[in-house]
């Protein structure tokens, strides 16, 4: 059975993966999401749950999911 943190990870992954992939920044430049992976699929050495979001320009962001209550 999945934990609530794993469920939240799956929800965010689906929203980011299935949603719009082109976004505008403050300078009206288009930012494109290349791919999104879970920490596990990205083979990060952590027990945390989260996502790695890679943009087409090569920028990479890690979103850690922490249950606060």
Protein backbone atom coordinates (compact mmCIF):
# COMPACT_ATOMS: atom_id res chain seq x y z
CA UNK A 1 0.00 0.00 0.00
CA UNK A 2 1.30 3.44 -0.94
CA UNK A 3 1.99 6.09 1.65
CA UNK A 4 0.34 9.50 1.38
CA UNK A 5 3.74 10.93 0.39
CA UNK A 6 3.97 8.44 -2.49
CA UNK A 7 0.42 9.29 -3.56
CA UNK A 8 1.26 13.01 -3.54
CA UNK A 9 4.37 12.27 -5.62
CA UNK A 10 2.25 10.41 -8.18
CA UNK A 11 -0.30 13.24 -8.32
CA UNK A 12 2.35 15.91 -8.87
CA UNK A 13 4.13 13.75 -11.45
CA UNK A 14 0.90 13.36 -13.40
CA UNK A 15 0.06 17.07 -13.20
CA UNK A 16 3.50 18.13 -14.43
CA UNK A 17 3.86 15.36 -17.02
CA UNK A 18 0.37 15.53 -18.51
CA UNK A 19 -0.16 19.26 -18.23
CA UNK A 20 1.07 22.11 -20.37
CA UNK A 21 4.80 21.80 -21.12
CA UNK A 22 5.38 25.36 -22.35
CA UNK A 23 5.44 28.22 -19.86
CA UNK A 24 6.35 31.90 -20.10
CA UNK A 25 8.74 33.52 -17.68
CA UNK A 26 8.69 37.19 -16.68
CA UNK A 27 10.54 38.17 -19.86
CA UNK A 28 7.97 36.36 -22.04
CA UNK A 29 10.55 33.71 -22.94
CA UNK A 30 9.15 30.22 -23.43
CA UNK A 31 10.31 27.65 -20.89
CA UNK A 32 9.79 24.04 -21.99
CA UNK A 33 9.76 21.00 -19.72
CA UNK A 34 11.79 18.19 -21.27
CA UNK A 35 11.01 15.44 -18.76
CA UNK A 36 10.02 14.68 -15.19
CA UNK A 37 11.23 11.71 -13.15
CA UNK A 38 10.77 10.54 -9.59
CA UNK A 39 13.85 10.58 -7.37
CA UNK A 40 13.80 6.79 -7.55
CA UNK A 41 13.81 6.70 -11.37
CA UNK A 42 16.51 9.39 -11.44
CA UNK A 43 18.52 7.11 -9.10
CA UNK A 44 19.08 9.78 -6.46
CA UNK A 45 20.54 8.40 -3.27
CA UNK A 46 17.83 9.53 -0.88
CA UNK A 47 14.90 8.07 0.99
CA UNK A 48 12.88 11.21 0.31
CA UNK A 49 10.11 11.24 -2.25
CA UNK A 50 10.20 13.85 -4.94
CA UNK A 51 10.60 14.80 -8.58
CA UNK A 52 13.42 15.88 -10.85
CA UNK A 53 12.20 18.32 -13.50
CA UNK A 54 14.50 18.93 -16.46
CA UNK A 55 13.95 21.82 -18.85
CA UNK A 56 14.95 21.81 -22.51
CA UNK A 57 17.76 24.29 -21.79
CA UNK A 58 19.33 21.69 -19.46
CA UNK A 59 18.27 23.32 -16.20
CA UNK A 60 17.29 20.77 -13.58
CA UNK A 61 15.14 21.20 -10.50
CA UNK A 62 14.51 18.84 -7.60
CA UNK A 63 11.17 19.03 -5.82
CA UNK A 64 11.24 17.23 -2.46
CA UNK A 65 7.91 16.13 -0.97
CA UNK A 66 7.77 16.29 2.81
CA UNK A 67 4.65 15.50 4.80
CA UNK A 68 4.28 18.14 7.52
CA UNK A 69 1.37 16.65 9.48
